[in-house]
Amino acid sequence: MTATMRQIVQILPGEILTAGINFTSRLNSTEVLGGTPTVVSDSTLVVISSPTVNATTTTILGDGVAVGKAVLFTITVGSTVATHSCLVTASSTSGGGQTVIETGAVKVL
């Protein structure tokens, strides 16, 4: 099952931003993410790098996200004004053993 992410990352050409996806609502209370998550864009104009599971408490959309409950990654974009989608996939290592997927948008201004 794929849930739609509420977040739309807005970015200007030349910026390098760190984005985060909160998976808390998709995981059991004892479950945490592990391994290496993946983030894929629908466009070669969006460069995504360094996807990792959060190792410290992180704030995403104003919410504190516990360790192991989010995926963080870096985004850079080309100069074409457009909206692109991305797919974030992560697996849990305890408490359920799920593979969870979220979608998001990257809007180049």
C-alpha atoms as a PDB file:
ATOM      1  CA  MET A   1       0.000   0.000   0.000  1.00  0.00           C
ATOM      2  CA  THR A   2       1.348   3.429  -0.910  1.00  0.00           C
ATOM      3  CA  ALA A   3       0.349   6.492   1.097  1.00  0.00           C
ATOM      4  CA  THR A   4       0.494   9.970  -0.405  1.00  0.00           C
ATOM      5  CA  MET A   5       2.969  12.254   1.277  1.00  0.00           C
ATOM      6  CA  ARG A   6       1.627  15.676   2.199  1.00  0.00           C
ATOM      7  CA  GLN A   7       4.955  17.376   1.638  1.00  0.00           C
ATOM      8  CA  ILE A   8       5.927  19.230  -1.507  1.00  0.00           C
ATOM      9  CA  VAL A   9       9.565  20.289  -1.458  1.00  0.00           C
ATOM     10  CA  GLN A  10      10.011  23.673  -3.141  1.00  0.00           C
ATOM     11  CA  ILE A  11      13.493  24.330  -4.472  1.00  0.00           C
ATOM     12  CA  LEU A  12      15.253  26.927  -6.592  1.00  0.00           C
ATOM     13  CA  PRO A  13      17.814  25.966  -9.243  1.00  0.00           C
ATOM     14  CA  GLY A  14      21.253  25.841  -7.640  1.00  0.00           C
ATOM     15  CA  GLU A  15      19.975  25.027  -4.145  1.00  0.00           C
ATOM     16  CA  ILE A  16      20.977  21.885  -2.281  1.00  0.00           C
ATOM     17  CA  LEU A  17      18.320  20.870   0.237  1.00  0.00           C
ATOM     18  CA  THR A  18      17.933  18.081   2.769  1.00  0.00           C
ATOM     19  CA  ALA A  19      14.449  16.569   2.730  1.00  0.00           C
ATOM     20  CA  GLY A  20      12.903  14.139   5.188  1.00  0.00           C
ATOM     21  CA  ILE A  21      10.030  11.679   4.986  1.00  0.00           C
ATOM     22  CA  ASN A  22       8.302  10.689   8.223  1.00  0.00           C
ATOM     23  CA  PHE A  23       7.259   7.013   8.285  1.00  0.00           C
ATOM     24  CA  THR A  24       6.016   6.990  11.916  1.00  0.00           C
ATOM     25  CA  SER A  25       2.352   6.458  11.006  1.00  0.00           C
ATOM     26  CA  ARG A  26       3.288   3.546   8.749  1.00  0.00           C
ATOM     27  CA  LEU A  27       5.277   1.629  11.389  1.00  0.00           C
ATOM     28  CA  ASN A  28       4.302  -0.340  14.488  1.00  0.00           C
ATOM     29  CA  SER A  29       5.338   1.339  17.752  1.00  0.00           C
ATOM     30  CA  THR A  30       8.318  -1.021  18.216  1.00  0.00           C
ATOM     31  CA  GLU A  31       9.343  -0.964  14.568  1.00  0.00           C
ATOM     32  CA  VAL A  32      12.270   1.044  13.171  1.00  0.00           C
ATOM     33  CA  LEU A  33      13.713   1.495   9.702  1.00  0.00           C
ATOM     34  CA  GLY A  34      17.071  -0.012   8.840  1.00  0.00           C
ATOM     35  CA  GLY A  35      19.348  -0.805   5.973  1.00  0.00           C
ATOM     36  CA  THR A  36      19.719   1.574   3.057  1.00  0.00           C
ATOM     37  CA  PRO A  37      16.530   3.284   1.877  1.00  0.00           C
ATOM     38  CA  THR A  38      16.076   4.261  -1.761  1.00  0.00           C
ATOM     39  CA  VAL A  39      14.744   7.482  -3.264  1.00  0.00           C
ATOM     40  CA  VAL A  40      13.959   7.615  -6.988  1.00  0.00           C
ATOM     41  CA  SER A  41      12.778  10.607  -9.019  1.00  0.00           C
ATOM     42  CA  ASP A  42      10.711  10.518 -12.186  1.00  0.00           C
ATOM     43  CA  SER A  43      13.170  12.948 -13.812  1.00  0.00           C
ATOM     44  CA  THR A  44      16.888  13.070 -14.487  1.00  0.00           C
ATOM     45  CA  LEU A  45      16.651  16.806 -13.683  1.00  0.00           C
ATOM     46  CA  VAL A  46      16.218  15.924  -9.992  1.00  0.00           C
ATOM     47  CA  VAL A  47      19.378  14.535  -8.397  1.00  0.00           C
ATOM     48  CA  ILE A  48      18.809  12.671  -5.148  1.00  0.00           C
ATOM     49  CA  SER A  49      21.707  11.528  -3.000  1.00  0.00           C
ATOM     50  CA  SER A  50      22.635  10.167   0.413  1.00  0.00           C
ATOM     51  CA  PRO A  51      19.356   8.546   1.510  1.00  0.00           C
ATOM     52  CA  THR A  52      19.716   7.472   5.151  1.00  0.00           C
ATOM     53  CA  VAL A  53      17.552   6.520   8.105  1.00  0.00           C
ATOM     54  CA  ASN A  54      17.544   9.282  10.731  1.00  0.00           C
ATOM     55  CA  ALA A  55      20.061   8.567  13.522  1.00  0.00           C
ATOM     56  CA  THR A  56      18.857  11.427  15.753  1.00  0.00           C
ATOM     57  CA  THR A  57      15.465  12.925  16.526  1.00  0.00           C
ATOM     58  CA  THR A  58      14.492  14.973  13.464  1.00  0.00           C
ATOM     59  CA  THR A  59      11.820  17.615  12.845  1.00  0.00           C
ATOM     60  CA  ILE A  60       9.722  17.093   9.701  1.00  0.00           C
ATOM     61  CA  LEU A  61       6.723  19.312   8.937  1.00  0.00           C
ATOM     62  CA  GLY A  62       6.862  20.574  12.532  1.00  0.00           C
ATOM     63  CA  ASP A  63       6.712  17.107  14.090  1.00  0.00           C
ATOM     64  CA  GLY A  64       9.507  15.540  16.135  1.00  0.00           C
ATOM     65  CA  VAL A  65      10.375  12.205  14.536  1.00  0.00           C
ATOM     66  CA  ALA A  66      12.023   9.525  16.680  1.00  0.00           C
ATOM     67  CA  VAL A  67      15.255   7.790  15.674  1.00  0.00           C
ATOM     68  CA  GLY A  68      14.711   5.180  12.967  1.00  0.00           C
ATOM     69  CA  LYS A  69      11.323   6.507  11.852  1.00  0.00           C
ATOM     70  CA  ALA A  70      12.333   8.773   8.904  1.00  0.00           C
ATOM     71  CA  VAL A  71      14.352   8.793   5.703  1.00  0.00           C
ATOM     72  CA  LEU A  72      16.565  11.819   5.006  1.00  0.00           C
ATOM     73  CA  PHE A  73      18.113  12.658   1.620  1.00  0.00           C
ATOM     74  CA  THR A  74      19.668  15.505  -0.358  1.00  0.00           C
ATOM     75  CA  ILE A  75      17.998  17.082  -3.419  1.00  0.00           C
ATOM     76  CA  THR A  76      19.476  19.235  -6.195  1.00  0.00           C
ATOM     77  CA  VAL A  77      17.671  20.212  -9.402  1.00  0.00           C
ATOM     78  CA  GLY A  78      18.181  21.506 -12.925  1.00  0.00           C
ATOM     79  CA  SER A  79      16.956  24.891 -14.064  1.00  0.00           C
ATOM     80  CA  THR A  80      13.678  23.860 -15.700  1.00  0.00           C
ATOM     81  CA  VAL A  81      10.584  25.033 -13.792  1.00  0.00           C
ATOM     82  CA  ALA A  82       8.449  21.928 -13.204  1.00  0.00           C
ATOM     83  CA  THR A  83       7.020  19.594 -10.569  1.00  0.00           C
ATOM     84  CA  HIS A  84       8.522  16.126 -10.279  1.00  0.00           C
ATOM     85  CA  SER A  85       7.563  13.145  -8.159  1.00  0.00           C
ATOM     86  CA  CYS A  86       9.790  10.911  -6.087  1.00  0.00           C
ATOM     87  CA  LEU A  87       9.323   7.496  -4.532  1.00  0.00           C
ATOM     88  CA  VAL A  88      10.887   6.718  -1.138  1.00  0.00           C
ATOM     89  CA  THR A  89      11.222   3.052  -0.137  1.00  0.00           C
ATOM     90  CA  ALA A  90      12.502   1.753   3.197  1.00  0.00           C
ATOM     91  CA  SER A  91      12.438  -1.511   5.138  1.00  0.00           C
ATOM     92  CA  SER A  92      11.940  -2.049   8.835  1.00  0.00           C
ATOM     93  CA  THR A  93      14.326  -4.243  10.788  1.00  0.00           C
ATOM     94  CA  SER A  94      12.266  -5.025  13.877  1.00  0.00           C
ATOM     95  CA  GLY A  95       8.691  -5.289  15.100  1.00  0.00           C
ATOM     96  CA  GLY A  96       7.093  -6.125  11.769  1.00  0.00           C
ATOM     97  CA  GLY A  97       9.571  -6.501   8.924  1.00  0.00           C
ATOM     98  CA  GLN A  98       7.687  -4.320   6.455  1.00  0.00           C
ATOM     99  CA  THR A  99       8.742  -2.559   3.284  1.00  0.00           C
ATOM    100  CA  VAL A 100       7.104   0.888   3.304  1.00  0.00           C
ATOM    101  CA  ILE A 101       6.754   3.360   0.440  1.00  0.00           C
ATOM    102  CA  GLU A 102       5.887   7.063   0.361  1.00  0.00           C
ATOM    103  CA  THR A 103       5.547   9.428  -2.563  1.00  0.00           C
ATOM    104  CA  GLY A 104       6.406  13.088  -2.645  1.00  0.00           C
ATOM    105  CA  ALA A 105       6.789  16.043  -4.962  1.00  0.00           C
ATOM    106  CA  VAL A 106       9.709  18.309  -5.809  1.00  0.00           C
ATOM    107  CA  LYS A 107       8.624  21.662  -7.222  1.00  0.00           C
ATOM    108  CA  VAL A 108      11.310  23.662  -9.037  1.00  0.00           C
ATOM    109  CA  LEU A 109      10.519  27.383  -8.790  1.00  0.00           C
END
